[in-house]
Amino acid sequence: MTIVVPSEFERVFRAHHRLVFRTAYRITGNAADAEDVSQTVFLRLFRRRAGAEALENEESYLRRAAVNAALDVMRSRQTDRTVELPDLPAEPAQNDPRELQLALGQALRRALAQLKPRPAEIFALRFLDGFSNPQIARMLGISQVLVAVIVHRTRLQLRKELGAYRFSRT
């Protein structure tokens, strides 16, 4: 009987595939796109490892790579004129919470795709993945103050973009 020891790459893939997929899915809202993002991220990692570059923090690298690759997918959709995205209603139906949540999710993904890469990445890490500002600062190698400023400005920008989706609680 032969015992097969998984390669280091296979170990990393098995350990982090779900994380990469979930991160991509939160941004793209689509399982097929999330799987494409996962493949892209692990292909990049494989090429990076072939170049003998070691990763300091695998999980952080893969999460950030997934965020950025997913945002790239969202941006490419907006620039590709051959693929039409469904138009959202000017005012979502407030009587159906599921419809409102779906419309808001689509609008948020579109708005995120309009952001510059760094603010989009920080927003996704903060609000989609639930990291704190100090954690994000450590991941990205920047100050907590800069993270806080970027989060604040990004929230203001997104609030402006998503203004039509605000509704009062009655």
C-alpha atoms as a PDB file:
ATOM      1  CA  MET A   1       0.000   0.000   0.000  1.00  0.00           C
ATOM      2  CA  THR A   2       1.384   3.382  -1.014  1.00  0.00           C
ATOM      3  CA  ILE A   3       0.781   6.425   1.145  1.00  0.00           C
ATOM      4  CA  VAL A   4       0.419   9.591  -0.852  1.00  0.00           C
ATOM      5  CA  VAL A   5       1.569  12.721   0.914  1.00  0.00           C
ATOM      6  CA  PRO A   6      -0.145  15.803  -0.458  1.00  0.00           C
ATOM      7  CA  SER A   7       2.097  18.482  -1.858  1.00  0.00           C
ATOM      8  CA  GLU A   8       2.399  21.777  -0.020  1.00  0.00           C
ATOM      9  CA  PHE A   9       0.259  23.430  -2.684  1.00  0.00           C
ATOM     10  CA  GLU A  10      -2.450  20.797  -2.292  1.00  0.00           C
ATOM     11  CA  ARG A  11      -2.376  21.298   1.478  1.00  0.00           C
ATOM     12  CA  VAL A  12      -2.874  25.044   1.053  1.00  0.00           C
ATOM     13  CA  PHE A  13      -5.668  24.472  -1.467  1.00  0.00           C
ATOM     14  CA  ARG A  14      -7.522  22.079   0.819  1.00  0.00           C
ATOM     15  CA  ALA A  15      -7.074  24.315   3.837  1.00  0.00           C
ATOM     16  CA  HIS A  16      -8.209  27.543   2.186  1.00  0.00           C
ATOM     17  CA  HIS A  17     -10.454  26.765  -0.795  1.00  0.00           C
ATOM     18  CA  ARG A  18     -13.660  27.411   1.175  1.00  0.00           C
ATOM     19  CA  LEU A  19     -12.340  30.716   2.486  1.00  0.00           C
ATOM     20  CA  VAL A  20     -11.430  31.910  -1.015  1.00  0.00           C
ATOM     21  CA  PHE A  21     -14.748  30.764  -2.473  1.00  0.00           C
ATOM     22  CA  ARG A  22     -16.833  32.391   0.316  1.00  0.00           C
ATOM     23  CA  THR A  23     -14.927  35.647   0.033  1.00  0.00           C
ATOM     24  CA  ALA A  24     -15.412  35.745  -3.735  1.00  0.00           C
ATOM     25  CA  TYR A  25     -19.080  34.763  -3.449  1.00  0.00           C
ATOM     26  CA  ARG A  26     -19.809  37.614  -1.015  1.00  0.00           C
ATOM     27  CA  ILE A  27     -18.542  40.076  -3.596  1.00  0.00           C
ATOM     28  CA  THR A  28     -19.762  38.549  -6.867  1.00  0.00           C
ATOM     29  CA  GLY A  29     -23.038  37.101  -5.569  1.00  0.00           C
ATOM     30  CA  ASN A  30     -22.654  34.263  -8.048  1.00  0.00           C
ATOM     31  CA  ALA A  31     -21.310  30.739  -7.449  1.00  0.00           C
ATOM     32  CA  ALA A  32     -19.893  30.333 -10.966  1.00  0.00           C
ATOM     33  CA  ASP A  33     -18.010  33.617 -10.715  1.00  0.00           C
ATOM     34  CA  ALA A  34     -16.796  32.713  -7.220  1.00  0.00           C
ATOM     35  CA  GLU A  35     -15.445  29.415  -8.553  1.00  0.00           C
ATOM     36  CA  ASP A  36     -13.698  31.236 -11.402  1.00  0.00           C
ATOM     37  CA  VAL A  37     -12.168  33.625  -8.874  1.00  0.00           C
ATOM     38  CA  SER A  38     -11.028  30.676  -6.753  1.00  0.00           C
ATOM     39  CA  GLN A  39      -9.322  29.102  -9.745  1.00  0.00           C
ATOM     40  CA  THR A  40      -7.635  32.395 -10.607  1.00  0.00           C
ATOM     41  CA  VAL A  41      -6.408  32.918  -7.050  1.00  0.00           C
ATOM     42  CA  PHE A  42      -4.959  29.428  -6.715  1.00  0.00           C
ATOM     43  CA  LEU A  43      -3.390  29.592 -10.165  1.00  0.00           C
ATOM     44  CA  ARG A  44      -1.674  32.837  -9.141  1.00  0.00           C
ATOM     45  CA  LEU A  45      -0.535  31.195  -5.922  1.00  0.00           C
ATOM     46  CA  PHE A  46       0.805  28.195  -7.817  1.00  0.00           C
ATOM     47  CA  ARG A  47       2.770  30.449 -10.162  1.00  0.00           C
ATOM     48  CA  ARG A  48       4.050  32.460  -7.224  1.00  0.00           C
ATOM     49  CA  ARG A  49       5.233  29.318  -5.469  1.00  0.00           C
ATOM     50  CA  ALA A  50       6.882  28.100  -8.666  1.00  0.00           C
ATOM     51  CA  GLY A  51       8.938  31.276  -8.458  1.00  0.00           C
ATOM     52  CA  ALA A  52       9.939  30.169  -4.927  1.00  0.00           C
ATOM     53  CA  GLU A  53       8.315  33.178  -3.259  1.00  0.00           C
ATOM     54  CA  ALA A  54       7.230  32.191   0.226  1.00  0.00           C
ATOM     55  CA  LEU A  55       4.115  33.679   1.796  1.00  0.00           C
ATOM     56  CA  GLU A  56       4.301  35.240   5.203  1.00  0.00           C
ATOM     57  CA  ASN A  57       0.595  34.732   5.908  1.00  0.00           C
ATOM     58  CA  GLU A  58      -1.233  32.373   3.514  1.00  0.00           C
ATOM     59  CA  GLU A  59      -4.718  33.119   4.765  1.00  0.00           C
ATOM     60  CA  SER A  60      -4.296  36.885   4.556  1.00  0.00           C
ATOM     61  CA  TYR A  61      -2.764  36.665   1.083  1.00  0.00           C
ATOM     62  CA  LEU A  62      -5.530  34.382  -0.209  1.00  0.00           C
ATOM     63  CA  ARG A  63      -8.333  36.475   1.289  1.00  0.00           C
ATOM     64  CA  ARG A  64      -6.927  39.668  -0.232  1.00  0.00           C
ATOM     65  CA  ALA A  65      -6.314  37.942  -3.566  1.00  0.00           C
ATOM     66  CA  ALA A  66      -9.929  36.698  -3.583  1.00  0.00           C
ATOM     67  CA  VAL A  67     -11.287  40.174  -2.833  1.00  0.00           C
ATOM     68  CA  ASN A  68      -9.223  41.733  -5.593  1.00  0.00           C
ATOM     69  CA  ALA A  69      -9.956  39.027  -8.173  1.00  0.00           C
ATOM     70  CA  ALA A  70     -13.691  39.197  -7.393  1.00  0.00           C
ATOM     71  CA  LEU A  71     -13.652  42.965  -7.788  1.00  0.00           C
ATOM     72  CA  ASP A  72     -11.860  42.496 -11.109  1.00  0.00           C
ATOM     73  CA  VAL A  73     -14.702  40.216 -12.235  1.00  0.00           C
ATOM     74  CA  MET A  74     -17.273  42.814 -11.215  1.00  0.00           C
ATOM     75  CA  ARG A  75     -15.370  45.586 -13.001  1.00  0.00           C
ATOM     76  CA  SER A  76     -14.986  43.527 -16.165  1.00  0.00           C
ATOM     77  CA  ARG A  77     -18.737  42.992 -16.265  1.00  0.00           C
ATOM     78  CA  GLN A  78     -19.289  46.716 -16.293  1.00  0.00           C
ATOM     79  CA  THR A  79     -16.837  47.351 -19.117  1.00  0.00           C
ATOM     80  CA  ASP A  80     -17.936  44.381 -21.228  1.00  0.00           C
ATOM     81  CA  ARG A  81     -20.701  45.700 -23.467  1.00  0.00           C
ATOM     82  CA  THR A  82     -21.686  42.223 -24.630  1.00  0.00           C
ATOM     83  CA  VAL A  83     -23.023  41.176 -21.239  1.00  0.00           C
ATOM     84  CA  GLU A  84     -25.997  43.180 -20.084  1.00  0.00           C
ATOM     85  CA  LEU A  85     -26.731  43.342 -16.379  1.00  0.00           C
ATOM     86  CA  PRO A  86     -30.390  43.498 -15.443  1.00  0.00           C
ATOM     87  CA  ASP A  87     -31.577  47.007 -14.643  1.00  0.00           C
ATOM     88  CA  LEU A  88     -32.560  47.605 -11.064  1.00  0.00           C
ATOM     89  CA  PRO A  89     -35.780  49.406 -10.293  1.00  0.00           C
ATOM     90  CA  ALA A  90     -35.325  53.050  -9.333  1.00  0.00           C
ATOM     91  CA  GLU A  91     -37.085  52.351  -6.054  1.00  0.00           C
ATOM     92  CA  PRO A  92     -37.000  48.774  -4.725  1.00  0.00           C
ATOM     93  CA  ALA A  93     -40.234  47.264  -3.521  1.00  0.00           C
ATOM     94  CA  GLN A  94     -40.320  47.992   0.189  1.00  0.00           C
ATOM     95  CA  ASN A  95     -43.031  45.436   0.860  1.00  0.00           C
ATOM     96  CA  ASP A  96     -40.850  42.468  -0.030  1.00  0.00           C
ATOM     97  CA  PRO A  97     -37.715  42.267   2.155  1.00  0.00           C
ATOM     98  CA  ARG A  98     -36.172  39.571  -0.050  1.00  0.00           C
ATOM     99  CA  GLU A  99     -36.543  41.701  -3.169  1.00  0.00           C
ATOM    100  CA  LEU A 100     -35.083  44.682  -1.350  1.00  0.00           C
ATOM    101  CA  GLN A 101     -32.153  42.620  -0.071  1.00  0.00           C
ATOM    102  CA  LEU A 102     -31.461  41.236  -3.561  1.00  0.00           C
ATOM    103  CA  ALA A 103     -31.649  44.681  -5.179  1.00  0.00           C
ATOM    104  CA  LEU A 104     -29.431  46.186  -2.484  1.00  0.00           C
ATOM    105  CA  GLY A 105     -26.888  43.372  -2.865  1.00  0.00           C
ATOM    106  CA  GLN A 106     -26.710  43.912  -6.625  1.00  0.00           C
ATOM    107  CA  ALA A 107     -26.425  47.661  -6.190  1.00  0.00           C
ATOM    108  CA  LEU A 108     -23.673  47.245  -3.582  1.00  0.00           C
ATOM    109  CA  ARG A 109     -21.685  44.929  -5.869  1.00  0.00           C
ATOM    110  CA  ARG A 110     -21.961  47.455  -8.689  1.00  0.00           C
ATOM    111  CA  ALA A 111     -20.938  50.308  -6.405  1.00  0.00           C
ATOM    112  CA  LEU A 112     -17.972  48.315  -5.063  1.00  0.00           C
ATOM    113  CA  ALA A 113     -16.820  47.653  -8.604  1.00  0.00           C
ATOM    114  CA  GLN A 114     -16.709  51.416  -9.183  1.00  0.00           C
ATOM    115  CA  LEU A 115     -14.301  51.994  -6.290  1.00  0.00           C
ATOM    116  CA  LYS A 116     -10.547  52.162  -6.620  1.00  0.00           C
ATOM    117  CA  PRO A 117      -8.871  48.864  -5.655  1.00  0.00           C
ATOM    118  CA  ARG A 118      -7.549  49.810  -2.180  1.00  0.00           C
ATOM    119  CA  PRO A 119     -10.827  51.277  -0.814  1.00  0.00           C
ATOM    120  CA  ALA A 120     -12.813  48.368  -2.292  1.00  0.00           C
ATOM    121  CA  GLU A 121     -10.469  45.845  -0.714  1.00  0.00           C
ATOM    122  CA  ILE A 122     -10.561  47.555   2.687  1.00  0.00           C
ATOM    123  CA  PHE A 123     -14.369  47.857   2.578  1.00  0.00           C
ATOM    124  CA  ALA A 124     -14.738  44.174   1.702  1.00  0.00           C
ATOM    125  CA  LEU A 125     -12.340  43.097   4.447  1.00  0.00           C
ATOM    126  CA  ARG A 126     -14.115  45.324   6.996  1.00  0.00           C
ATOM    127  CA  PHE A 127     -17.770  44.799   6.193  1.00  0.00           C
ATOM    128  CA  LEU A 128     -17.994  41.587   4.187  1.00  0.00           C
ATOM    129  CA  ASP A 129     -15.332  39.572   5.998  1.00  0.00           C
ATOM    130  CA  GLY A 130     -15.748  41.247   9.406  1.00  0.00           C
ATOM    131  CA  PHE A 131     -12.155  42.212  10.156  1.00  0.00           C
ATOM    132  CA  SER A 132     -11.439  45.066  12.530  1.00  0.00           C
ATOM    133  CA  ASN A 133      -9.488  48.137  11.494  1.00  0.00           C
ATOM    134  CA  PRO A 134      -6.378  47.022  13.444  1.00  0.00           C
ATOM    135  CA  GLN A 135      -6.504  43.591  11.770  1.00  0.00           C
ATOM    136  CA  ILE A 136      -6.799  45.168   8.326  1.00  0.00           C
ATOM    137  CA  ALA A 137      -3.933  47.536   9.083  1.00  0.00           C
ATOM    138  CA  ARG A 138      -1.711  44.576  10.003  1.00  0.00           C
ATOM    139  CA  MET A 139      -2.778  42.609   6.897  1.00  0.00           C
ATOM    140  CA  LEU A 140      -2.051  45.475   4.541  1.00  0.00           C
ATOM    141  CA  GLY A 141       0.934  46.922   6.358  1.00  0.00           C
ATOM    142  CA  ILE A 142      -0.630  50.363   6.787  1.00  0.00           C
ATOM    143  CA  SER A 143      -1.640  52.451   9.796  1.00  0.00           C
ATOM    144  CA  GLN A 144      -4.935  52.017  11.609  1.00  0.00           C
ATOM    145  CA  VAL A 145      -5.616  55.703  11.062  1.00  0.00           C
ATOM    146  CA  LEU A 146      -5.322  55.269   7.299  1.00  0.00           C
ATOM    147  CA  VAL A 147      -7.671  52.274   7.426  1.00  0.00           C
ATOM    148  CA  ALA A 148     -10.202  54.315   9.436  1.00  0.00           C
ATOM    149  CA  VAL A 149      -9.996  57.229   7.001  1.00  0.00           C
ATOM    150  CA  ILE A 150     -10.444  54.957   3.978  1.00  0.00           C
ATOM    151  CA  VAL A 151     -13.372  53.144   5.633  1.00  0.00           C
ATOM    152  CA  HIS A 152     -15.052  56.451   6.471  1.00  0.00           C
ATOM    153  CA  ARG A 153     -14.613  57.907   2.977  1.00  0.00           C
ATOM    154  CA  THR A 154     -15.690  54.690   1.309  1.00  0.00           C
ATOM    155  CA  ARG A 155     -18.832  54.484   3.441  1.00  0.00           C
ATOM    156  CA  LEU A 156     -19.710  58.066   2.525  1.00  0.00           C
ATOM    157  CA  GLN A 157     -19.182  57.341  -1.161  1.00  0.00           C
ATOM    158  CA  LEU A 158     -21.234  54.142  -1.049  1.00  0.00           C
ATOM    159  CA  ARG A 159     -23.974  55.822   0.987  1.00  0.00           C
ATOM    160  CA  LYS A 160     -24.215  58.449  -1.741  1.00  0.00           C
ATOM    161  CA  GLU A 161     -24.275  55.781  -4.491  1.00  0.00           C
ATOM    162  CA  LEU A 162     -26.886  53.690  -2.698  1.00  0.00           C
ATOM    163  CA  GLY A 163     -29.087  56.580  -1.561  1.00  0.00           C
ATOM    164  CA  ALA A 164     -32.076  55.271  -3.532  1.00  0.00           C
ATOM    165  CA  TYR A 165     -32.048  52.112  -1.419  1.00  0.00           C
ATOM    166  CA  ARG A 166     -32.480  53.788   1.931  1.00  0.00           C
ATOM    167  CA  PHE A 167     -35.774  53.195   3.578  1.00  0.00           C
ATOM    168  CA  SER A 168     -37.220  54.148   6.903  1.00  0.00           C
ATOM    169  CA  ARG A 169     -38.223  51.530   9.408  1.00  0.00           C
ATOM    170  CA  THR A 170     -41.848  51.815  10.364  1.00  0.00           C
END
